[in-house]
Amino acid sequence: MKKRIVILDDLEDQNQLFLRLLNNANYKVIITETESHLLDLINSKYPDLVLLSACLKDKDVYLICKKIKLLEIGESIPVIFINRDQKYFDAETMFNAGGADYINYPFSSAEILTKIANQIELQTLRQEIKEKNNQLQKLIPHYQKLKLALEKAKLELANISNKNESSILPDRDYFLQILEKEWLRGARQRSSFGDVSETNISLVLAEITDFQAYQKNHEQELVKNCIDIVSKTLNATVKRPGDLVSHFNEGKFAILLPNTDQEGAKTVAIKINQNLSELQIPHHYSEISEYLSFCFGIATAIPSQALPASVLIDVGENALYTALAQRKGDAIMLDYV
């Protein structure tokens, strides 16, 4: 997009000189001869720079500059004075009025273009810094709230005296080993005793909603602390002997529930989200929920030697993807093998 420049000058030959030069340099130029029109243009056209003649007839150009700087928009717009006659110009007064720079006669095309480009670039950098500062000011309360939530969660979970409720969960490889054992155990039980009522096995895959956004916008230590709290919450919720909670992928957990039908697995998922929501861990960058939450994919099967244990994972992941696609917190999808 072309940068906009407004010129206030009442000398026609000077206006035409600047107009040709700036048009050739790909600027959009508006020329005016009145103060009131200049101020209106600043409020309506949002120029990137103002060129102000230092020798307007019967006008206090320094007062005009001050008026520009009093405008909410004009405050950040650089003003360069066009100085055609030294006896009408005072640099110190110009700077005190809010002027950014000046161009002396005789005019040099290179000097004009360089000074204009420099002031526009400086203004762009100032605006970027201002926007970054505004973002930081918005994030400071968020980080404070997150810190308090994590400290509260640590205190609450520290009171739970179950030795298995460690913040470090087993990894995916360990989970796969246990899944294989439980699958074979269930298959043998079914084959030997024909008992299917007690051989249901359920897998709950839980993924933190918008985890990539959380990971991208927080420091590594903060993400680690958050995962630590979530891990403890999962272990504090899934308490039966034989149940297994483990890491699966980044931001994703696997809960293996032997001898558990689909309704039982759903109950566990609901309880997990209830316990997590009570911690109110802020998720500032989520488009789904203000606080950290899970989406769940639940797969339930009756183990069979005719099928590999991995089929439970495949079905669970498909259910999880469907839940995540709903783009809402606490989504739970269920499926059978």
C-alpha atoms as a PDB file:
ATOM      1  CA  MET A   1       0.000   0.000   0.000  1.00  0.00           C
ATOM      2  CA  LYS A   2       1.274   3.461  -0.910  1.00  0.00           C
ATOM      3  CA  LYS A   3       2.313   5.701   1.957  1.00  0.00           C
ATOM      4  CA  ARG A   4       0.239   8.875   2.250  1.00  0.00           C
ATOM      5  CA  ILE A   5       1.804  12.330   2.512  1.00  0.00           C
ATOM      6  CA  VAL A   6      -0.109  15.571   3.069  1.00  0.00           C
ATOM      7  CA  ILE A   7       1.536  18.868   2.073  1.00  0.00           C
ATOM      8  CA  LEU A   8       0.465  22.237   3.498  1.00  0.00           C
ATOM      9  CA  ASP A   9       1.963  24.978   1.334  1.00  0.00           C
ATOM     10  CA  ASP A  10       0.681  28.044  -0.512  1.00  0.00           C
ATOM     11  CA  LEU A  11       3.464  28.231  -3.143  1.00  0.00           C
ATOM     12  CA  GLU A  12       2.282  26.583  -6.371  1.00  0.00           C
ATOM     13  CA  ASP A  13       5.724  26.010  -7.923  1.00  0.00           C
ATOM     14  CA  GLN A  14       6.983  24.410  -4.700  1.00  0.00           C
ATOM     15  CA  ASN A  15       3.913  22.202  -4.484  1.00  0.00           C
ATOM     16  CA  GLN A  16       4.383  20.976  -8.033  1.00  0.00           C
ATOM     17  CA  LEU A  17       8.054  20.190  -7.373  1.00  0.00           C
ATOM     18  CA  PHE A  18       7.227  18.014  -4.370  1.00  0.00           C
ATOM     19  CA  LEU A  19       4.196  16.487  -6.090  1.00  0.00           C
ATOM     20  CA  ARG A  20       6.199  15.248  -9.069  1.00  0.00           C
ATOM     21  CA  LEU A  21       9.065  13.996  -6.944  1.00  0.00           C
ATOM     22  CA  LEU A  22       6.875  12.109  -4.469  1.00  0.00           C
ATOM     23  CA  ASN A  23       4.550  10.658  -7.096  1.00  0.00           C
ATOM     24  CA  ASN A  24       7.559   9.273  -8.932  1.00  0.00           C
ATOM     25  CA  ALA A  25       8.730   7.755  -5.630  1.00  0.00           C
ATOM     26  CA  ASN A  26       5.355   5.949  -5.358  1.00  0.00           C
ATOM     27  CA  TYR A  27       3.854   8.053  -2.558  1.00  0.00           C
ATOM     28  CA  LYS A  28       0.208   9.119  -2.508  1.00  0.00           C
ATOM     29  CA  VAL A  29       0.236  12.913  -2.147  1.00  0.00           C
ATOM     30  CA  ILE A  30      -2.513  15.314  -1.065  1.00  0.00           C
ATOM     31  CA  ILE A  31      -1.874  19.071  -1.229  1.00  0.00           C
ATOM     32  CA  THR A  32      -3.798  21.663   0.755  1.00  0.00           C
ATOM     33  CA  GLU A  33      -3.383  25.385   1.357  1.00  0.00           C
ATOM     34  CA  THR A  34      -5.459  25.761   4.536  1.00  0.00           C
ATOM     35  CA  GLU A  35      -4.841  24.766   8.117  1.00  0.00           C
ATOM     36  CA  SER A  36      -8.402  23.569   8.713  1.00  0.00           C
ATOM     37  CA  HIS A  37      -8.310  21.306   5.671  1.00  0.00           C
ATOM     38  CA  LEU A  38      -4.977  19.885   6.815  1.00  0.00           C
ATOM     39  CA  LEU A  39      -6.394  18.945  10.218  1.00  0.00           C
ATOM     40  CA  ASP A  40      -9.457  17.394   8.577  1.00  0.00           C
ATOM     41  CA  LEU A  41      -7.227  15.352   6.269  1.00  0.00           C
ATOM     42  CA  ILE A  42      -5.230  14.057   9.223  1.00  0.00           C
ATOM     43  CA  ASN A  43      -8.422  12.880  10.940  1.00  0.00           C
ATOM     44  CA  SER A  44      -9.953  11.348   7.811  1.00  0.00           C
ATOM     45  CA  LYS A  45      -7.053  10.102   5.655  1.00  0.00           C
ATOM     46  CA  TYR A  46      -4.564   9.020   8.356  1.00  0.00           C
ATOM     47  CA  PRO A  47      -1.434  10.212   6.476  1.00  0.00           C
ATOM     48  CA  ASP A  48       1.953   8.674   7.207  1.00  0.00           C
ATOM     49  CA  LEU A  49       3.732  12.047   7.111  1.00  0.00           C
ATOM     50  CA  VAL A  50       3.044  15.783   6.870  1.00  0.00           C
ATOM     51  CA  LEU A  51       5.160  18.271   4.944  1.00  0.00           C
ATOM     52  CA  LEU A  52       4.614  21.758   6.378  1.00  0.00           C
ATOM     53  CA  SER A  53       5.868  24.964   4.765  1.00  0.00           C
ATOM     54  CA  ALA A  54       7.854  27.119   7.185  1.00  0.00           C
ATOM     55  CA  CYS A  55       6.763  30.359   5.515  1.00  0.00           C
ATOM     56  CA  LEU A  56       2.987  30.305   5.152  1.00  0.00           C
ATOM     57  CA  LYS A  57       1.607  33.780   4.695  1.00  0.00           C
ATOM     58  CA  ASP A  58       0.092  35.221   7.894  1.00  0.00           C
ATOM     59  CA  LYS A  59       0.318  31.857   9.669  1.00  0.00           C
ATOM     60  CA  ASP A  60       2.190  30.654  12.746  1.00  0.00           C
ATOM     61  CA  VAL A  61       3.473  27.363  11.347  1.00  0.00           C
ATOM     62  CA  TYR A  62       4.839  26.260  14.717  1.00  0.00           C
ATOM     63  CA  LEU A  63       1.366  26.637  16.225  1.00  0.00           C
ATOM     64  CA  ILE A  64      -0.043  24.548  13.362  1.00  0.00           C
ATOM     65  CA  CYS A  65       2.479  21.823  14.194  1.00  0.00           C
ATOM     66  CA  LYS A  66       1.425  21.929  17.851  1.00  0.00           C
ATOM     67  CA  LYS A  67      -2.213  21.555  16.802  1.00  0.00           C
ATOM     68  CA  ILE A  68      -1.299  18.509  14.722  1.00  0.00           C
ATOM     69  CA  LYS A  69       0.401  16.939  17.733  1.00  0.00           C
ATOM     70  CA  LEU A  70      -2.645  17.588  19.918  1.00  0.00           C
ATOM     71  CA  LEU A  71      -4.752  15.371  17.661  1.00  0.00           C
ATOM     72  CA  GLU A  72      -5.025  11.746  18.779  1.00  0.00           C
ATOM     73  CA  ILE A  73      -3.949  10.587  15.333  1.00  0.00           C
ATOM     74  CA  GLY A  74      -1.581  13.464  14.657  1.00  0.00           C
ATOM     75  CA  GLU A  75       0.461  12.814  17.770  1.00  0.00           C
ATOM     76  CA  SER A  76       2.251   9.934  16.063  1.00  0.00           C
ATOM     77  CA  ILE A  77       2.532  11.452  12.560  1.00  0.00           C
ATOM     78  CA  PRO A  78       5.983  12.882  11.746  1.00  0.00           C
ATOM     79  CA  VAL A  79       6.017  16.508  10.531  1.00  0.00           C
ATOM     80  CA  ILE A  80       8.836  17.723   8.272  1.00  0.00           C
ATOM     81  CA  PHE A  81       9.177  21.458   7.696  1.00  0.00           C
ATOM     82  CA  ILE A  82       9.945  22.830   4.230  1.00  0.00           C
ATOM     83  CA  ASN A  83      12.360  25.707   4.858  1.00  0.00           C
ATOM     84  CA  ARG A  84      12.601  27.996   1.841  1.00  0.00           C
ATOM     85  CA  ASP A  85      13.844  31.105   3.627  1.00  0.00           C
ATOM     86  CA  GLN A  86      16.130  30.950   6.658  1.00  0.00           C
ATOM     87  CA  LYS A  87      14.844  34.225   8.112  1.00  0.00           C
ATOM     88  CA  TYR A  88      11.409  32.658   8.627  1.00  0.00           C
ATOM     89  CA  PHE A  89      12.689  29.485  10.235  1.00  0.00           C
ATOM     90  CA  ASP A  90      14.046  28.499  13.650  1.00  0.00           C
ATOM     91  CA  ALA A  91      15.039  24.843  14.129  1.00  0.00           C
ATOM     92  CA  GLU A  92      14.842  24.901  17.927  1.00  0.00           C
ATOM     93  CA  THR A  93      11.316  26.302  17.879  1.00  0.00           C
ATOM     94  CA  MET A  94      10.366  23.685  15.285  1.00  0.00           C
ATOM     95  CA  PHE A  95      11.589  20.768  17.411  1.00  0.00           C
ATOM     96  CA  ASN A  96       9.896  22.200  20.513  1.00  0.00           C
ATOM     97  CA  ALA A  97       6.635  22.370  18.553  1.00  0.00           C
ATOM     98  CA  GLY A  98       6.881  18.661  17.720  1.00  0.00           C
ATOM     99  CA  GLY A  99       8.535  18.793  14.302  1.00  0.00           C
ATOM    100  CA  ALA A 100      10.587  15.753  13.332  1.00  0.00           C
ATOM    101  CA  ASP A 101      12.974  17.217  10.733  1.00  0.00           C
ATOM    102  CA  TYR A 102      13.366  19.949   8.110  1.00  0.00           C
ATOM    103  CA  ILE A 103      14.398  20.313   4.477  1.00  0.00           C
ATOM    104  CA  ASN A 104      16.404  23.374   3.444  1.00  0.00           C
ATOM    105  CA  TYR A 105      16.356  25.277   0.180  1.00  0.00           C
ATOM    106  CA  PRO A 106      17.912  24.764  -2.373  1.00  0.00           C
ATOM    107  CA  PHE A 107      16.135  21.428  -2.430  1.00  0.00           C
ATOM    108  CA  SER A 108      17.903  18.169  -3.162  1.00  0.00           C
ATOM    109  CA  SER A 109      15.757  15.313  -4.424  1.00  0.00           C
ATOM    110  CA  ALA A 110      17.948  12.746  -2.666  1.00  0.00           C
ATOM    111  CA  GLU A 111      17.767  14.635   0.634  1.00  0.00           C
ATOM    112  CA  ILE A 112      13.983  15.026   0.428  1.00  0.00           C
ATOM    113  CA  LEU A 113      13.361  11.352  -0.305  1.00  0.00           C
ATOM    114  CA  THR A 114      15.871  10.152   2.274  1.00  0.00           C
ATOM    115  CA  LYS A 115      14.466  12.286   5.088  1.00  0.00           C
ATOM    116  CA  ILE A 116      10.884  11.304   4.273  1.00  0.00           C
ATOM    117  CA  ALA A 117      11.747   7.594   4.074  1.00  0.00           C
ATOM    118  CA  ASN A 118      13.670   7.755   7.354  1.00  0.00           C
ATOM    119  CA  GLN A 119      10.798   9.404   9.235  1.00  0.00           C
ATOM    120  CA  ILE A 120       8.209   6.965   7.887  1.00  0.00           C
ATOM    121  CA  GLU A 121      10.438   4.015   8.808  1.00  0.00           C
ATOM    122  CA  LEU A 122      10.966   5.406  12.310  1.00  0.00           C
ATOM    123  CA  GLN A 123       7.218   5.879  12.704  1.00  0.00           C
ATOM    124  CA  THR A 124       6.582   2.296  11.566  1.00  0.00           C
ATOM    125  CA  LEU A 125       9.088   1.003  14.127  1.00  0.00           C
ATOM    126  CA  ARG A 126       7.526   3.137  16.881  1.00  0.00           C
ATOM    127  CA  GLN A 127       4.094   1.750  16.027  1.00  0.00           C
ATOM    128  CA  GLU A 128       5.383  -1.821  16.110  1.00  0.00           C
ATOM    129  CA  ILE A 129       6.980  -1.213  19.508  1.00  0.00           C
ATOM    130  CA  LYS A 130       3.763   0.341  20.777  1.00  0.00           C
ATOM    131  CA  GLU A 131       1.731  -2.654  19.614  1.00  0.00           C
ATOM    132  CA  LYS A 132       4.191  -5.063  21.233  1.00  0.00           C
ATOM    133  CA  ASN A 133       3.981  -3.118  24.502  1.00  0.00           C
ATOM    134  CA  ASN A 134       0.180  -3.221  24.351  1.00  0.00           C
ATOM    135  CA  GLN A 135       0.302  -6.978  23.839  1.00  0.00           C
ATOM    136  CA  LEU A 136       2.668  -7.361  26.792  1.00  0.00           C
ATOM    137  CA  GLN A 137       0.401  -5.249  28.999  1.00  0.00           C
ATOM    138  CA  LYS A 138      -2.501  -7.552  28.136  1.00  0.00           C
ATOM    139  CA  LEU A 139      -0.413 -10.655  28.811  1.00  0.00           C
ATOM    140  CA  ILE A 140       0.963  -9.612  32.209  1.00  0.00           C
ATOM    141  CA  PRO A 141      -2.351 -10.214  34.066  1.00  0.00           C
ATOM    142  CA  HIS A 142      -2.701 -13.501  32.193  1.00  0.00           C
ATOM    143  CA  TYR A 143       0.725 -14.721  33.355  1.00  0.00           C
ATOM    144  CA  GLN A 144       0.011 -13.606  36.902  1.00  0.00           C
ATOM    145  CA  LYS A 145      -3.269 -15.488  36.876  1.00  0.00           C
ATOM    146  CA  LEU A 146      -1.619 -18.549  35.380  1.00  0.00           C
ATOM    147  CA  LYS A 147       1.126 -18.495  37.994  1.00  0.00           C
ATOM    148  CA  LEU A 148      -1.435 -18.336  40.814  1.00  0.00           C
ATOM    149  CA  ALA A 149      -3.449 -21.159  39.281  1.00  0.00           C
ATOM    150  CA  LEU A 150      -0.389 -23.394  38.988  1.00  0.00           C
ATOM    151  CA  GLU A 151       0.709 -22.648  42.548  1.00  0.00           C
ATOM    152  CA  LYS A 152      -2.784 -23.422  43.822  1.00  0.00           C
ATOM    153  CA  ALA A 153      -2.858 -26.678  41.896  1.00  0.00           C
ATOM    154  CA  LYS A 154       0.518 -27.739  43.268  1.00  0.00           C
ATOM    155  CA  LEU A 155      -0.628 -27.118  46.828  1.00  0.00           C
ATOM    156  CA  GLU A 156      -3.857 -29.031  46.341  1.00  0.00           C
ATOM    157  CA  LEU A 157      -2.217 -31.984  44.660  1.00  0.00           C
ATOM    158  CA  ALA A 158       0.615 -32.064  47.188  1.00  0.00           C
ATOM    159  CA  ASN A 159      -1.964 -32.976  49.833  1.00  0.00           C
ATOM    160  CA  ILE A 160      -2.784 -36.209  48.014  1.00  0.00           C
ATOM    161  CA  SER A 161      -0.655 -38.909  49.617  1.00  0.00           C
ATOM    162  CA  ASN A 162      -0.868 -41.573  46.933  1.00  0.00           C
ATOM    163  CA  LYS A 163       2.698 -42.524  46.037  1.00  0.00           C
ATOM    164  CA  ASN A 164       1.645 -43.344  42.467  1.00  0.00           C
ATOM    165  CA  GLU A 165       0.521 -39.778  41.854  1.00  0.00           C
ATOM    166  CA  SER A 166       3.852 -38.621  40.506  1.00  0.00           C
ATOM    167  CA  SER A 167       4.101 -35.721  38.104  1.00  0.00           C
ATOM    168  CA  ILE A 168       6.144 -37.929  35.760  1.00  0.00           C
ATOM    169  CA  LEU A 169       3.878 -40.297  33.847  1.00  0.00           C
ATOM    170  CA  PRO A 170       5.028 -43.387  31.974  1.00  0.00           C
ATOM    171  CA  ASP A 171       5.885 -42.811  28.340  1.00  0.00           C
ATOM    172  CA  ARG A 172       4.172 -44.110  25.231  1.00  0.00           C
ATOM    173  CA  ASP A 173       6.428 -47.181  24.929  1.00  0.00           C
ATOM    174  CA  TYR A 174       5.463 -48.344  28.406  1.00  0.00           C
ATOM    175  CA  PHE A 175       1.806 -47.735  27.608  1.00  0.00           C
ATOM    176  CA  LEU A 176       2.072 -49.889  24.459  1.00  0.00           C
ATOM    177  CA  GLN A 177       3.614 -52.734  26.472  1.00  0.00           C
ATOM    178  CA  ILE A 178       0.828 -52.674  29.044  1.00  0.00           C
ATOM    179  CA  LEU A 179      -1.848 -52.396  26.359  1.00  0.00           C
ATOM    180  CA  GLU A 180      -0.460 -55.496  24.647  1.00  0.00           C
ATOM    181  CA  LYS A 181      -0.460 -57.450  27.929  1.00  0.00           C
ATOM    182  CA  GLU A 182      -3.999 -56.414  28.862  1.00  0.00           C
ATOM    183  CA  TRP A 183      -5.257 -57.176  25.376  1.00  0.00           C
ATOM    184  CA  LEU A 184      -3.744 -60.679  25.431  1.00  0.00           C
ATOM    185  CA  ARG A 185      -5.012 -61.281  28.974  1.00  0.00           C
ATOM    186  CA  GLY A 186      -8.542 -60.314  27.969  1.00  0.00           C
ATOM    187  CA  ALA A 187      -8.377 -62.406  24.805  1.00  0.00           C
ATOM    188  CA  ARG A 188      -7.203 -65.481  26.730  1.00  0.00           C
ATOM    189  CA  GLN A 189      -9.905 -65.014  29.364  1.00  0.00           C
ATOM    190  CA  ARG A 190     -12.560 -64.790  26.708  1.00  0.00           C
ATOM    191  CA  SER A 191     -11.175 -67.807  24.853  1.00  0.00           C
ATOM    192  CA  SER A 192     -10.778 -69.951  27.957  1.00  0.00           C
ATOM    193  CA  PHE A 193     -13.950 -69.082  29.838  1.00  0.00           C
ATOM    194  CA  GLY A 194     -16.185 -67.596  27.167  1.00  0.00           C
ATOM    195  CA  ASP A 195     -16.541 -64.608  29.477  1.00  0.00           C
ATOM    196  CA  VAL A 196     -17.110 -61.359  27.636  1.00  0.00           C
ATOM    197  CA  SER A 197     -18.772 -59.328  30.403  1.00  0.00           C
ATOM    198  CA  GLU A 198     -15.517 -58.782  32.292  1.00  0.00           C
ATOM    199  CA  THR A 199     -13.161 -58.478  29.327  1.00  0.00           C
ATOM    200  CA  ASN A 200     -14.171 -55.037  28.041  1.00  0.00           C
ATOM    201  CA  ILE A 201     -11.177 -52.784  27.710  1.00  0.00           C
ATOM    202  CA  SER A 202     -11.441 -49.053  27.096  1.00  0.00           C
ATOM    203  CA  LEU A 203      -8.922 -46.472  25.971  1.00  0.00           C
ATOM    204  CA  VAL A 204      -9.396 -42.779  26.671  1.00  0.00           C
ATOM    205  CA  LEU A 205      -7.211 -40.464  24.583  1.00  0.00           C
ATOM    206  CA  ALA A 206      -7.229 -36.962  26.082  1.00  0.00           C
ATOM    207  CA  GLU A 207      -5.714 -33.978  24.271  1.00  0.00           C
ATOM    208  CA  ILE A 208      -5.398 -30.457  25.652  1.00  0.00           C
ATOM    209  CA  THR A 209      -7.488 -28.202  23.419  1.00  0.00           C
ATOM    210  CA  ASP A 210      -5.432 -25.774  21.323  1.00  0.00           C
ATOM    211  CA  PHE A 211      -2.254 -27.153  22.872  1.00  0.00           C
ATOM    212  CA  GLN A 212      -0.073 -26.009  19.986  1.00  0.00           C
ATOM    213  CA  ALA A 213      -1.173 -22.409  20.580  1.00  0.00           C
ATOM    214  CA  TYR A 214      -0.422 -22.809  24.295  1.00  0.00           C
ATOM    215  CA  GLN A 215       3.004 -24.279  23.590  1.00  0.00           C
ATOM    216  CA  LYS A 216       3.864 -21.650  20.987  1.00  0.00           C
ATOM    217  CA  ASN A 217       3.010 -18.652  23.160  1.00  0.00           C
ATOM    218  CA  HIS A 218       4.433 -19.709  26.532  1.00  0.00           C
ATOM    219  CA  GLU A 219       7.928 -20.268  27.817  1.00  0.00           C
ATOM    220  CA  GLN A 220       9.151 -23.851  27.891  1.00  0.00           C
ATOM    221  CA  GLU A 221       9.319 -23.933  31.685  1.00  0.00           C
ATOM    222  CA  LEU A 222       5.742 -22.713  31.973  1.00  0.00           C
ATOM    223  CA  VAL A 223       4.543 -25.374  29.525  1.00  0.00           C
ATOM    224  CA  LYS A 224       6.423 -28.048  31.478  1.00  0.00           C
ATOM    225  CA  ASN A 225       4.870 -26.907  34.757  1.00  0.00           C
ATOM    226  CA  CYS A 226       1.450 -26.965  33.171  1.00  0.00           C
ATOM    227  CA  ILE A 227       1.921 -30.517  31.849  1.00  0.00           C
ATOM    228  CA  ASP A 228       3.158 -31.504  35.301  1.00  0.00           C
ATOM    229  CA  ILE A 229      -0.035 -30.210  36.920  1.00  0.00           C
ATOM    230  CA  VAL A 230      -2.223 -31.894  34.296  1.00  0.00           C
ATOM    231  CA  SER A 231      -0.362 -35.173  34.815  1.00  0.00           C
ATOM    232  CA  LYS A 232      -0.951 -35.044  38.559  1.00  0.00           C
ATOM    233  CA  THR A 233      -4.606 -34.236  37.992  1.00  0.00           C
ATOM    234  CA  LEU A 234      -4.990 -37.286  35.752  1.00  0.00           C
ATOM    235  CA  ASN A 235      -3.285 -39.553  38.276  1.00  0.00           C
ATOM    236  CA  ALA A 236      -5.419 -38.145  41.084  1.00  0.00           C
ATOM    237  CA  THR A 237      -8.575 -38.907  39.091  1.00  0.00           C
ATOM    238  CA  VAL A 238      -7.816 -42.358  37.689  1.00  0.00           C
ATOM    239  CA  LYS A 239      -7.322 -44.358  40.885  1.00  0.00           C
ATOM    240  CA  ARG A 240      -8.278 -48.001  40.288  1.00  0.00           C
ATOM    241  CA  PRO A 241      -5.553 -50.618  40.520  1.00  0.00           C
ATOM    242  CA  GLY A 242      -4.742 -51.784  37.027  1.00  0.00           C
ATOM    243  CA  ASP A 243      -5.684 -48.516  35.325  1.00  0.00           C
ATOM    244  CA  LEU A 244      -2.849 -46.757  33.566  1.00  0.00           C
ATOM    245  CA  VAL A 245      -2.267 -43.076  32.795  1.00  0.00           C
ATOM    246  CA  SER A 246       0.603 -42.250  30.444  1.00  0.00           C
ATOM    247  CA  HIS A 247       1.933 -39.643  28.067  1.00  0.00           C
ATOM    248  CA  PHE A 248       1.016 -40.351  24.455  1.00  0.00           C
ATOM    249  CA  ASN A 249       2.205 -37.328  22.466  1.00  0.00           C
ATOM    250  CA  GLU A 250       2.837 -33.669  23.293  1.00  0.00           C
ATOM    251  CA  GLY A 251      -0.272 -32.410  25.029  1.00  0.00           C
ATOM    252  CA  LYS A 252      -1.952 -35.807  24.634  1.00  0.00           C
ATOM    253  CA  PHE A 253      -2.477 -38.521  27.254  1.00  0.00           C
ATOM    254  CA  ALA A 254      -3.618 -42.132  27.172  1.00  0.00           C
ATOM    255  CA  ILE A 255      -5.742 -43.661  29.921  1.00  0.00           C
ATOM    256  CA  LEU A 256      -6.053 -47.435  29.712  1.00  0.00           C
ATOM    257  CA  LEU A 257      -9.051 -48.850  31.586  1.00  0.00           C
ATOM    258  CA  PRO A 258      -9.165 -52.664  31.720  1.00  0.00           C
ATOM    259  CA  ASN A 259     -12.518 -54.269  32.545  1.00  0.00           C
ATOM    260  CA  THR A 260     -14.299 -51.020  31.735  1.00  0.00           C
ATOM    261  CA  ASP A 261     -17.207 -50.546  29.353  1.00  0.00           C
ATOM    262  CA  GLN A 262     -17.882 -47.420  27.336  1.00  0.00           C
ATOM    263  CA  GLU A 263     -20.115 -45.742  29.911  1.00  0.00           C
ATOM    264  CA  GLY A 264     -17.501 -46.289  32.581  1.00  0.00           C
ATOM    265  CA  ALA A 265     -14.825 -44.732  30.336  1.00  0.00           C
ATOM    266  CA  LYS A 266     -17.075 -41.762  29.615  1.00  0.00           C
ATOM    267  CA  THR A 267     -17.605 -41.231  33.340  1.00  0.00           C
ATOM    268  CA  VAL A 268     -13.830 -41.136  33.830  1.00  0.00           C
ATOM    269  CA  ALA A 269     -13.440 -38.569  31.026  1.00  0.00           C
ATOM    270  CA  ILE A 270     -16.105 -36.311  32.503  1.00  0.00           C
ATOM    271  CA  LYS A 271     -14.489 -36.517  35.940  1.00  0.00           C
ATOM    272  CA  ILE A 272     -11.072 -35.637  34.485  1.00  0.00           C
ATOM    273  CA  ASN A 273     -12.423 -32.497  32.864  1.00  0.00           C
ATOM    274  CA  GLN A 274     -14.262 -31.509  36.031  1.00  0.00           C
ATOM    275  CA  ASN A 275     -11.082 -31.770  38.072  1.00  0.00           C
ATOM    276  CA  LEU A 276      -9.074 -29.881  35.451  1.00  0.00           C
ATOM    277  CA  SER A 277     -11.648 -27.108  35.131  1.00  0.00           C
ATOM    278  CA  GLU A 278     -11.592 -26.557  38.900  1.00  0.00           C
ATOM    279  CA  LEU A 279      -7.918 -25.584  38.616  1.00  0.00           C
ATOM    280  CA  GLN A 280      -8.846 -22.765  36.177  1.00  0.00           C
ATOM    281  CA  ILE A 281      -5.503 -22.753  34.402  1.00  0.00           C
ATOM    282  CA  PRO A 282      -5.795 -19.809  31.957  1.00  0.00           C
ATOM    283  CA  HIS A 283      -5.521 -20.560  28.240  1.00  0.00           C
ATOM    284  CA  HIS A 284      -5.257 -17.026  26.832  1.00  0.00           C
ATOM    285  CA  TYR A 285      -4.550 -18.111  23.269  1.00  0.00           C
ATOM    286  CA  SER A 286      -7.324 -20.672  22.912  1.00  0.00           C
ATOM    287  CA  GLU A 287     -10.192 -20.009  20.531  1.00  0.00           C
ATOM    288  CA  ILE A 288     -12.277 -22.583  22.373  1.00  0.00           C
ATOM    289  CA  SER A 289     -12.058 -22.064  26.106  1.00  0.00           C
ATOM    290  CA  GLU A 290     -10.786 -19.445  28.527  1.00  0.00           C
ATOM    291  CA  TYR A 291      -9.237 -22.183  30.654  1.00  0.00           C
ATOM    292  CA  LEU A 292      -7.330 -25.370  29.935  1.00  0.00           C
ATOM    293  CA  SER A 293      -9.617 -28.248  28.941  1.00  0.00           C
ATOM    294  CA  PHE A 294      -9.502 -31.632  27.210  1.00  0.00           C
ATOM    295  CA  CYS A 295     -11.130 -33.193  24.189  1.00  0.00           C
ATOM    296  CA  PHE A 296     -11.590 -36.953  24.421  1.00  0.00           C
ATOM    297  CA  GLY A 297     -11.664 -39.885  22.066  1.00  0.00           C
ATOM    298  CA  ILE A 298     -12.872 -43.123  23.674  1.00  0.00           C
ATOM    299  CA  ALA A 299     -12.527 -46.574  22.163  1.00  0.00           C
ATOM    300  CA  THR A 300     -13.955 -49.717  23.727  1.00  0.00           C
ATOM    301  CA  ALA A 301     -13.343 -53.290  22.636  1.00  0.00           C
ATOM    302  CA  ILE A 302     -13.646 -56.923  23.649  1.00  0.00           C
ATOM    303  CA  PRO A 303     -10.074 -58.205  23.116  1.00  0.00           C
ATOM    304  CA  SER A 304      -9.637 -60.882  20.500  1.00  0.00           C
ATOM    305  CA  GLN A 305      -6.630 -62.840  19.317  1.00  0.00           C
ATOM    306  CA  ALA A 306      -7.844 -62.199  15.800  1.00  0.00           C
ATOM    307  CA  LEU A 307      -7.145 -58.464  16.148  1.00  0.00           C
ATOM    308  CA  PRO A 308      -3.983 -56.604  17.182  1.00  0.00           C
ATOM    309  CA  ALA A 309      -4.085 -54.417  20.284  1.00  0.00           C
ATOM    310  CA  SER A 310      -3.205 -51.411  18.135  1.00  0.00           C
ATOM    311  CA  VAL A 311      -6.714 -51.385  16.704  1.00  0.00           C
ATOM    312  CA  LEU A 312      -7.868 -49.875  19.999  1.00  0.00           C
ATOM    313  CA  ILE A 313      -5.492 -46.934  19.432  1.00  0.00           C
ATOM    314  CA  ASP A 314      -6.633 -46.462  15.837  1.00  0.00           C
ATOM    315  CA  VAL A 315     -10.274 -46.268  16.830  1.00  0.00           C
ATOM    316  CA  GLY A 316      -9.483 -44.019  19.795  1.00  0.00           C
ATOM    317  CA  GLU A 317      -7.498 -41.583  17.640  1.00  0.00           C
ATOM    318  CA  ASN A 318     -10.277 -41.386  15.060  1.00  0.00           C
ATOM    319  CA  ALA A 319     -12.735 -40.568  17.842  1.00  0.00           C
ATOM    320  CA  LEU A 320     -10.357 -37.949  19.245  1.00  0.00           C
ATOM    321  CA  TYR A 321      -9.941 -36.251  15.859  1.00  0.00           C
ATOM    322  CA  THR A 322     -13.717 -36.077  15.534  1.00  0.00           C
ATOM    323  CA  ALA A 323     -13.973 -34.513  18.998  1.00  0.00           C
ATOM    324  CA  LEU A 324     -11.250 -31.947  18.229  1.00  0.00           C
ATOM    325  CA  ALA A 325     -12.966 -31.029  14.967  1.00  0.00           C
ATOM    326  CA  GLN A 326     -16.020 -29.879  16.917  1.00  0.00           C
ATOM    327  CA  ARG A 327     -13.918 -26.943  18.208  1.00  0.00           C
ATOM    328  CA  LYS A 328     -15.481 -26.880  21.645  1.00  0.00           C
ATOM    329  CA  GLY A 329     -14.192 -27.629  25.111  1.00  0.00           C
ATOM    330  CA  ASP A 330     -14.936 -30.915  26.872  1.00  0.00           C
ATOM    331  CA  ALA A 331     -15.953 -32.674  23.627  1.00  0.00           C
ATOM    332  CA  ILE A 332     -16.200 -36.463  24.019  1.00  0.00           C
ATOM    333  CA  MET A 333     -16.547 -38.914  21.135  1.00  0.00           C
ATOM    334  CA  LEU A 334     -17.072 -42.643  21.628  1.00  0.00           C
ATOM    335  CA  ASP A 335     -16.604 -45.621  19.338  1.00  0.00           C
ATOM    336  CA  TYR A 336     -16.361 -49.390  19.421  1.00  0.00           C
ATOM    337  CA  VAL A 337     -13.793 -51.674  17.862  1.00  0.00           C
END
